[in-house]
Amino acid sequence: MNLLLLEPAEIASDGRAEVTGRRAVHVREILRKAVGDRIRVGVIGGRRGTAEVVHTATERLVLACELDGDPPPPSRVTLALALPRPPVLRRVLQHVAAAGVKSIALIASARVDKSYWGSPALADDEIRGQLVLGLEQAGDTILPQVAVHRRFRPFVEDELSRATTLRRVFADLGAPPCPCDVEGPTIALVGPEGGWVPFEVELLIANGCAPVGLGARPLRVEAAVNALLARLGLP
């Protein structure tokens, strides 16, 4: 945890905040902070700064906060991800939030197992929890927006077709190398570990998406996402 995140409702008018549970235990046992020490804090959706520990108990902290800084700049990339296995989804959400991506679409694909759509990992609270962990790692405060699209063709033909001003790319094994440091907003699509089926590739290209390669080796989803974001340019 590089930034202790607070909910807006946890900040009192005098700048004090009471923290309990996982965060309090982490500050006391992992960071080993005591009364008088300072830690980095931020408010979800707001500013960041530092706080002094003014009281500590077993699972409770009281902090005096000074929020005087802005969050880091967001990524220019919007990620569309074929829904992966639930454990992979949890890890990817953390990685993507830490990378500064602020818009994520979880989409269908022919090789997405239908059982994934019923996973508890797709619950709003579960998704938010993973995103918060990513923000804590990166020192960010702005939660990404996550949309779920359970039909591939309507997503491509309706959602992507509206994004006429954005560069659109999709990772595809054997395609020309992905460009580096792309300027301007970009939508990047990552398929399932089994890859896109031919129909999906044809539909993506027909709707203005360019195939880009990440090398000659097939990558796992989380590796492909990280590689694609790095090639396109992090904030």
C-alpha atoms as a PDB file:
ATOM      1  CA  MET A   1       0.000   0.000   0.000  1.00  0.00           C
ATOM      2  CA  ASN A   2       1.696   3.183  -1.212  1.00  0.00           C
ATOM      3  CA  LEU A   3      -1.349   5.360  -0.556  1.00  0.00           C
ATOM      4  CA  LEU A   4      -4.002   4.870   2.106  1.00  0.00           C
ATOM      5  CA  LEU A   5      -7.321   5.573   0.422  1.00  0.00           C
ATOM      6  CA  LEU A   6     -10.212   7.116   2.302  1.00  0.00           C
ATOM      7  CA  GLU A   7     -13.858   7.264   1.384  1.00  0.00           C
ATOM      8  CA  PRO A   8     -15.156  10.843   1.127  1.00  0.00           C
ATOM      9  CA  ALA A   9     -17.581  10.198   3.999  1.00  0.00           C
ATOM     10  CA  GLU A  10     -14.665   9.260   6.269  1.00  0.00           C
ATOM     11  CA  ILE A  11     -13.216  12.790   6.216  1.00  0.00           C
ATOM     12  CA  ALA A  12     -14.668  15.081   8.864  1.00  0.00           C
ATOM     13  CA  SER A  13     -14.909  18.845   8.446  1.00  0.00           C
ATOM     14  CA  ASP A  14     -11.754  19.284  10.560  1.00  0.00           C
ATOM     15  CA  GLY A  15      -9.730  17.014   8.266  1.00  0.00           C
ATOM     16  CA  ARG A  16      -9.699  14.071  10.643  1.00  0.00           C
ATOM     17  CA  ALA A  17     -10.510  10.551   9.514  1.00  0.00           C
ATOM     18  CA  GLU A  18     -11.100   7.308  11.365  1.00  0.00           C
ATOM     19  CA  VAL A  19      -9.776   4.185   9.657  1.00  0.00           C
ATOM     20  CA  THR A  20     -10.637   0.629  10.652  1.00  0.00           C
ATOM     21  CA  GLY A  21     -10.139  -2.957   9.480  1.00  0.00           C
ATOM     22  CA  ARG A  22      -7.602  -3.930   6.803  1.00  0.00           C
ATOM     23  CA  ARG A  23      -6.185  -0.457   6.336  1.00  0.00           C
ATOM     24  CA  ALA A  24      -5.632   0.160  10.035  1.00  0.00           C
ATOM     25  CA  VAL A  25      -3.940  -3.216  10.467  1.00  0.00           C
ATOM     26  CA  HIS A  26      -1.700  -2.543   7.461  1.00  0.00           C
ATOM     27  CA  VAL A  27      -0.593   0.848   8.761  1.00  0.00           C
ATOM     28  CA  ARG A  28       0.155  -0.508  12.224  1.00  0.00           C
ATOM     29  CA  GLU A  29       1.648  -3.928  11.422  1.00  0.00           C
ATOM     30  CA  ILE A  30       3.159  -3.571   7.933  1.00  0.00           C
ATOM     31  CA  LEU A  31       4.081   0.096   7.769  1.00  0.00           C
ATOM     32  CA  ARG A  32       4.752   0.090  11.536  1.00  0.00           C
ATOM     33  CA  LYS A  33       3.416   3.586  12.004  1.00  0.00           C
ATOM     34  CA  ALA A  34       2.709   4.976  15.472  1.00  0.00           C
ATOM     35  CA  VAL A  35       1.271   8.178  16.924  1.00  0.00           C
ATOM     36  CA  GLY A  36       3.121  11.153  15.463  1.00  0.00           C
ATOM     37  CA  ASP A  37       4.183   9.396  12.263  1.00  0.00           C
ATOM     38  CA  ARG A  38       2.999  10.527   8.857  1.00  0.00           C
ATOM     39  CA  ILE A  39       1.632   8.486   5.954  1.00  0.00           C
ATOM     40  CA  ARG A  40       0.484   9.212   2.412  1.00  0.00           C
ATOM     41  CA  VAL A  41      -3.295   9.403   2.035  1.00  0.00           C
ATOM     42  CA  GLY A  42      -5.858  10.199  -0.617  1.00  0.00           C
ATOM     43  CA  VAL A  43      -9.616  10.487  -0.945  1.00  0.00           C
ATOM     44  CA  ILE A  44     -11.317   8.307  -3.535  1.00  0.00           C
ATOM     45  CA  GLY A  45     -12.384  10.620  -6.337  1.00  0.00           C
ATOM     46  CA  GLY A  46     -10.443  13.517  -4.834  1.00  0.00           C
ATOM     47  CA  ARG A  47      -7.074  14.839  -3.756  1.00  0.00           C
ATOM     48  CA  ARG A  48      -4.120  13.242  -2.037  1.00  0.00           C
ATOM     49  CA  GLY A  49      -1.598  14.361   0.549  1.00  0.00           C
ATOM     50  CA  THR A  50      -0.294  13.252   3.935  1.00  0.00           C
ATOM     51  CA  ALA A  51      -1.760  12.509   7.336  1.00  0.00           C
ATOM     52  CA  GLU A  52      -0.438  12.352  10.874  1.00  0.00           C
ATOM     53  CA  VAL A  53      -1.408   9.401  13.039  1.00  0.00           C
ATOM     54  CA  VAL A  54      -3.029  10.945  16.129  1.00  0.00           C
ATOM     55  CA  HIS A  55      -4.493   7.809  17.691  1.00  0.00           C
ATOM     56  CA  THR A  56      -3.971   4.083  17.196  1.00  0.00           C
ATOM     57  CA  ALA A  57      -5.680   0.967  18.547  1.00  0.00           C
ATOM     58  CA  THR A  58      -5.844  -2.699  17.534  1.00  0.00           C
ATOM     59  CA  GLU A  59      -7.932  -2.154  14.402  1.00  0.00           C
ATOM     60  CA  ARG A  60      -8.552   1.582  14.509  1.00  0.00           C
ATOM     61  CA  LEU A  61      -6.615   4.681  13.536  1.00  0.00           C
ATOM     62  CA  VAL A  62      -7.393   8.359  13.718  1.00  0.00           C
ATOM     63  CA  LEU A  63      -5.607  10.509  11.153  1.00  0.00           C
ATOM     64  CA  ALA A  64      -5.216  14.267  10.754  1.00  0.00           C
ATOM     65  CA  CYS A  65      -5.196  14.750   6.983  1.00  0.00           C
ATOM     66  CA  GLU A  66      -3.725  17.451   4.762  1.00  0.00           C
ATOM     67  CA  LEU A  67      -4.903  16.966   1.191  1.00  0.00           C
ATOM     68  CA  ASP A  68      -2.959  19.355  -1.013  1.00  0.00           C
ATOM     69  CA  GLY A  69      -2.042  17.392  -4.154  1.00  0.00           C
ATOM     70  CA  ASP A  70      -3.730  16.166  -7.303  1.00  0.00           C
ATOM     71  CA  PRO A  71      -3.780  12.529  -8.437  1.00  0.00           C
ATOM     72  CA  PRO A  72      -1.390  11.477 -11.234  1.00  0.00           C
ATOM     73  CA  PRO A  73      -2.499  12.004 -14.837  1.00  0.00           C
ATOM     74  CA  PRO A  74      -4.677   9.257 -16.354  1.00  0.00           C
ATOM     75  CA  SER A  75      -3.686   6.924 -19.147  1.00  0.00           C
ATOM     76  CA  ARG A  76      -4.817   7.785 -22.664  1.00  0.00           C
ATOM     77  CA  VAL A  77      -5.868   4.161 -23.174  1.00  0.00           C
ATOM     78  CA  THR A  78      -9.330   2.662 -22.838  1.00  0.00           C
ATOM     79  CA  LEU A  79      -9.119  -1.103 -22.361  1.00  0.00           C
ATOM     80  CA  ALA A  80     -11.618  -3.598 -23.775  1.00  0.00           C
ATOM     81  CA  LEU A  81     -10.919  -7.046 -22.354  1.00  0.00           C
ATOM     82  CA  ALA A  82     -12.478 -10.374 -23.269  1.00  0.00           C
ATOM     83  CA  LEU A  83     -13.709 -11.613 -19.898  1.00  0.00           C
ATOM     84  CA  PRO A  84     -10.974 -13.861 -18.444  1.00  0.00           C
ATOM     85  CA  ARG A  85     -11.118 -16.482 -15.699  1.00  0.00           C
ATOM     86  CA  PRO A  86     -12.170 -14.901 -12.374  1.00  0.00           C
ATOM     87  CA  PRO A  87      -8.728 -15.149 -10.678  1.00  0.00           C
ATOM     88  CA  VAL A  88      -7.131 -13.540 -13.743  1.00  0.00           C
ATOM     89  CA  LEU A  89      -9.793 -10.833 -13.838  1.00  0.00           C
ATOM     90  CA  ARG A  90      -9.010  -9.864 -10.248  1.00  0.00           C
ATOM     91  CA  ARG A  91      -5.305  -9.511 -10.991  1.00  0.00           C
ATOM     92  CA  VAL A  92      -5.853  -7.641 -14.251  1.00  0.00           C
ATOM     93  CA  LEU A  93      -8.181  -5.118 -12.624  1.00  0.00           C
ATOM     94  CA  GLN A  94      -5.478  -4.304 -10.096  1.00  0.00           C
ATOM     95  CA  HIS A  95      -2.793  -3.983 -12.806  1.00  0.00           C
ATOM     96  CA  VAL A  96      -4.966  -1.809 -15.029  1.00  0.00           C
ATOM     97  CA  ALA A  97      -6.013   0.522 -12.204  1.00  0.00           C
ATOM     98  CA  ALA A  98      -2.363   0.892 -11.188  1.00  0.00           C
ATOM     99  CA  ALA A  99      -1.461   1.758 -14.795  1.00  0.00           C
ATOM    100  CA  GLY A 100      -3.863   4.701 -14.790  1.00  0.00           C
ATOM    101  CA  VAL A 101      -6.516   3.322 -17.152  1.00  0.00           C
ATOM    102  CA  LYS A 102      -9.832   5.009 -16.360  1.00  0.00           C
ATOM    103  CA  SER A 103     -12.234   3.170 -18.662  1.00  0.00           C
ATOM    104  CA  ILE A 104     -12.515  -0.626 -18.874  1.00  0.00           C
ATOM    105  CA  ALA A 105     -14.969  -2.703 -20.907  1.00  0.00           C
ATOM    106  CA  LEU A 106     -15.373  -6.397 -20.127  1.00  0.00           C
ATOM    107  CA  ILE A 107     -16.602  -7.982 -23.323  1.00  0.00           C
ATOM    108  CA  ALA A 108     -17.787 -11.301 -24.714  1.00  0.00           C
ATOM    109  CA  SER A 109     -15.798 -13.455 -27.107  1.00  0.00           C
ATOM    110  CA  ALA A 110     -16.393 -16.860 -28.671  1.00  0.00           C
ATOM    111  CA  ARG A 111     -13.712 -18.392 -26.441  1.00  0.00           C
ATOM    112  CA  VAL A 112     -14.985 -16.847 -23.191  1.00  0.00           C
ATOM    113  CA  ASP A 113     -16.463 -19.578 -20.998  1.00  0.00           C
ATOM    114  CA  LYS A 114     -20.123 -18.740 -20.355  1.00  0.00           C
ATOM    115  CA  SER A 115     -19.751 -19.699 -16.690  1.00  0.00           C
ATOM    116  CA  TYR A 116     -17.471 -16.695 -16.135  1.00  0.00           C
ATOM    117  CA  TRP A 117     -20.437 -14.336 -16.450  1.00  0.00           C
ATOM    118  CA  GLY A 118     -21.954 -15.789 -13.278  1.00  0.00           C
ATOM    119  CA  SER A 119     -18.823 -15.386 -11.182  1.00  0.00           C
ATOM    120  CA  PRO A 120     -18.879 -13.353  -7.950  1.00  0.00           C
ATOM    121  CA  ALA A 121     -15.787 -11.618  -9.350  1.00  0.00           C
ATOM    122  CA  LEU A 122     -18.170  -9.550 -11.516  1.00  0.00           C
ATOM    123  CA  ALA A 123     -20.095  -8.176  -8.539  1.00  0.00           C
ATOM    124  CA  ASP A 124     -19.795  -4.402  -8.270  1.00  0.00           C
ATOM    125  CA  ASP A 125     -18.255  -4.516  -4.786  1.00  0.00           C
ATOM    126  CA  GLU A 126     -15.717  -7.142  -5.845  1.00  0.00           C
ATOM    127  CA  ILE A 127     -14.645  -5.153  -8.914  1.00  0.00           C
ATOM    128  CA  ARG A 128     -14.365  -1.981  -6.866  1.00  0.00           C
ATOM    129  CA  GLY A 129     -12.261  -3.742  -4.254  1.00  0.00           C
ATOM    130  CA  GLN A 130      -9.719  -4.884  -6.839  1.00  0.00           C
ATOM    131  CA  LEU A 131      -9.568  -1.422  -8.402  1.00  0.00           C
ATOM    132  CA  VAL A 132      -8.934   0.145  -4.996  1.00  0.00           C
ATOM    133  CA  LEU A 133      -5.999  -2.216  -4.438  1.00  0.00           C
ATOM    134  CA  GLY A 134      -4.536  -1.055  -7.752  1.00  0.00           C
ATOM    135  CA  LEU A 135      -4.993   2.604  -6.852  1.00  0.00           C
ATOM    136  CA  GLU A 136      -3.321   2.047  -3.478  1.00  0.00           C
ATOM    137  CA  GLN A 137      -0.324   0.565  -5.266  1.00  0.00           C
ATOM    138  CA  ALA A 138       0.007   3.427  -7.735  1.00  0.00           C
ATOM    139  CA  GLY A 139      -0.799   6.343  -5.427  1.00  0.00           C
ATOM    140  CA  ASP A 140      -3.918   7.234  -7.406  1.00  0.00           C
ATOM    141  CA  THR A 141      -7.372   8.269  -6.219  1.00  0.00           C
ATOM    142  CA  ILE A 142      -9.597   8.139  -9.318  1.00  0.00           C
ATOM    143  CA  LEU A 143     -11.494   4.885  -9.795  1.00  0.00           C
ATOM    144  CA  PRO A 144     -11.777   3.503 -13.323  1.00  0.00           C
ATOM    145  CA  GLN A 145     -15.241   3.080 -14.814  1.00  0.00           C
ATOM    146  CA  VAL A 146     -16.064  -0.541 -15.690  1.00  0.00           C
ATOM    147  CA  ALA A 147     -18.764  -1.540 -18.195  1.00  0.00           C
ATOM    148  CA  VAL A 148     -19.879  -5.100 -18.973  1.00  0.00           C
ATOM    149  CA  HIS A 149     -20.885  -6.115 -22.524  1.00  0.00           C
ATOM    150  CA  ARG A 150     -22.131  -9.685 -22.839  1.00  0.00           C
ATOM    151  CA  ARG A 151     -22.503  -9.639 -26.645  1.00  0.00           C
ATOM    152  CA  PHE A 152     -19.477  -9.170 -28.873  1.00  0.00           C
ATOM    153  CA  ARG A 153     -21.010  -7.969 -32.115  1.00  0.00           C
ATOM    154  CA  PRO A 154     -23.181  -5.189 -30.610  1.00  0.00           C
ATOM    155  CA  PHE A 155     -20.173  -3.960 -28.644  1.00  0.00           C
ATOM    156  CA  VAL A 156     -18.019  -3.721 -31.750  1.00  0.00           C
ATOM    157  CA  GLU A 157     -20.672  -2.333 -34.097  1.00  0.00           C
ATOM    158  CA  ASP A 158     -22.341   0.030 -31.620  1.00  0.00           C
ATOM    159  CA  GLU A 159     -19.807   1.031 -28.961  1.00  0.00           C
ATOM    160  CA  LEU A 160     -16.673   1.090 -31.106  1.00  0.00           C
ATOM    161  CA  SER A 161     -18.415   2.725 -34.049  1.00  0.00           C
ATOM    162  CA  ARG A 162     -19.272   5.722 -31.829  1.00  0.00           C
ATOM    163  CA  ALA A 163     -15.604   6.236 -30.968  1.00  0.00           C
ATOM    164  CA  THR A 164     -14.761   7.759 -34.347  1.00  0.00           C
ATOM    165  CA  THR A 165     -12.015  10.041 -33.011  1.00  0.00           C
ATOM    166  CA  LEU A 166     -10.093   7.298 -31.191  1.00  0.00           C
ATOM    167  CA  ARG A 167      -7.349   5.051 -32.481  1.00  0.00           C
ATOM    168  CA  ARG A 168      -8.535   1.454 -32.149  1.00  0.00           C
ATOM    169  CA  VAL A 169      -6.168  -1.508 -31.934  1.00  0.00           C
ATOM    170  CA  PHE A 170      -6.494  -5.148 -30.935  1.00  0.00           C
ATOM    171  CA  ALA A 171      -3.753  -7.533 -29.895  1.00  0.00           C
ATOM    172  CA  ASP A 172      -3.355 -10.400 -32.356  1.00  0.00           C
ATOM    173  CA  LEU A 173      -0.566 -12.956 -32.609  1.00  0.00           C
ATOM    174  CA  GLY A 174       1.434 -12.525 -35.811  1.00  0.00           C
ATOM    175  CA  ALA A 175       0.235  -8.964 -36.499  1.00  0.00           C
ATOM    176  CA  PRO A 176       2.682  -6.095 -37.171  1.00  0.00           C
ATOM    177  CA  PRO A 177       4.399  -4.826 -33.995  1.00  0.00           C
ATOM    178  CA  CYS A 178       2.362  -2.562 -31.765  1.00  0.00           C
ATOM    179  CA  PRO A 179       3.467   1.082 -32.094  1.00  0.00           C
ATOM    180  CA  CYS A 180       5.096   2.787 -29.130  1.00  0.00           C
ATOM    181  CA  ASP A 181       4.005   5.943 -27.324  1.00  0.00           C
ATOM    182  CA  VAL A 182       0.832   6.496 -29.286  1.00  0.00           C
ATOM    183  CA  GLU A 183      -0.439  10.073 -29.033  1.00  0.00           C
ATOM    184  CA  GLY A 184      -4.087  10.772 -28.328  1.00  0.00           C
ATOM    185  CA  PRO A 185      -6.880   8.581 -26.971  1.00  0.00           C
ATOM    186  CA  THR A 186      -6.686   4.904 -27.898  1.00  0.00           C
ATOM    187  CA  ILE A 187      -8.997   1.942 -27.439  1.00  0.00           C
ATOM    188  CA  ALA A 188      -7.015  -1.270 -26.989  1.00  0.00           C
ATOM    189  CA  LEU A 189      -8.668  -4.693 -27.127  1.00  0.00           C
ATOM    190  CA  VAL A 190      -7.214  -7.866 -25.607  1.00  0.00           C
ATOM    191  CA  GLY A 191      -8.843 -11.191 -26.396  1.00  0.00           C
ATOM    192  CA  PRO A 192      -9.017 -14.468 -24.486  1.00  0.00           C
ATOM    193  CA  GLU A 193      -5.952 -16.648 -24.013  1.00  0.00           C
ATOM    194  CA  GLY A 194      -7.174 -18.851 -26.866  1.00  0.00           C
ATOM    195  CA  GLY A 195      -7.166 -15.835 -29.161  1.00  0.00           C
ATOM    196  CA  TRP A 196      -9.842 -14.232 -31.307  1.00  0.00           C
ATOM    197  CA  VAL A 197     -11.754 -16.429 -33.736  1.00  0.00           C
ATOM    198  CA  PRO A 198     -11.622 -15.451 -37.456  1.00  0.00           C
ATOM    199  CA  PHE A 199     -15.106 -13.901 -37.387  1.00  0.00           C
ATOM    200  CA  GLU A 200     -14.088 -11.611 -34.531  1.00  0.00           C
ATOM    201  CA  VAL A 201     -10.902 -10.527 -36.297  1.00  0.00           C
ATOM    202  CA  GLU A 202     -12.846  -9.734 -39.468  1.00  0.00           C
ATOM    203  CA  LEU A 203     -15.479  -7.772 -37.540  1.00  0.00           C
ATOM    204  CA  LEU A 204     -12.886  -5.755 -35.644  1.00  0.00           C
ATOM    205  CA  ILE A 205     -11.027  -4.834 -38.815  1.00  0.00           C
ATOM    206  CA  ALA A 206     -14.290  -3.941 -40.580  1.00  0.00           C
ATOM    207  CA  ASN A 207     -15.033  -1.515 -37.748  1.00  0.00           C
ATOM    208  CA  GLY A 208     -11.748   0.334 -37.897  1.00  0.00           C
ATOM    209  CA  CYS A 209      -9.622  -1.692 -35.469  1.00  0.00           C
ATOM    210  CA  ALA A 210      -6.024  -2.373 -36.466  1.00  0.00           C
ATOM    211  CA  PRO A 211      -4.332  -5.640 -35.414  1.00  0.00           C
ATOM    212  CA  VAL A 212      -1.088  -5.157 -33.472  1.00  0.00           C
ATOM    213  CA  GLY A 213       1.439  -7.753 -32.378  1.00  0.00           C
ATOM    214  CA  LEU A 214       3.238  -8.212 -29.057  1.00  0.00           C
ATOM    215  CA  GLY A 215       5.900 -10.602 -30.292  1.00  0.00           C
ATOM    216  CA  ALA A 216       6.007 -14.142 -31.594  1.00  0.00           C
ATOM    217  CA  ARG A 217       5.061 -15.825 -28.306  1.00  0.00           C
ATOM    218  CA  PRO A 218       1.479 -16.319 -27.100  1.00  0.00           C
ATOM    219  CA  LEU A 219       1.019 -14.434 -23.832  1.00  0.00           C
ATOM    220  CA  ARG A 220      -1.286 -14.931 -20.886  1.00  0.00           C
ATOM    221  CA  VAL A 221      -3.973 -12.297 -20.524  1.00  0.00           C
ATOM    222  CA  GLU A 222      -2.324 -10.295 -17.744  1.00  0.00           C
ATOM    223  CA  ALA A 223       1.015 -10.293 -19.592  1.00  0.00           C
ATOM    224  CA  ALA A 224      -0.656  -9.176 -22.824  1.00  0.00           C
ATOM    225  CA  VAL A 225      -2.516  -6.361 -21.066  1.00  0.00           C
ATOM    226  CA  ASN A 226       0.630  -5.058 -19.378  1.00  0.00           C
ATOM    227  CA  ALA A 227       2.672  -5.314 -22.580  1.00  0.00           C
ATOM    228  CA  LEU A 228       0.050  -3.524 -24.644  1.00  0.00           C
ATOM    229  CA  LEU A 229      -0.330  -0.685 -22.142  1.00  0.00           C
ATOM    230  CA  ALA A 230       3.426  -0.268 -21.943  1.00  0.00           C
ATOM    231  CA  ARG A 231       3.787  -0.147 -25.736  1.00  0.00           C
ATOM    232  CA  LEU A 232       0.979   2.358 -26.186  1.00  0.00           C
ATOM    233  CA  GLY A 233       2.425   4.622 -23.519  1.00  0.00           C
ATOM    234  CA  LEU A 234       1.739   4.944 -19.814  1.00  0.00           C
ATOM    235  CA  PRO A 235       0.857   8.350 -18.346  1.00  0.00           C
END
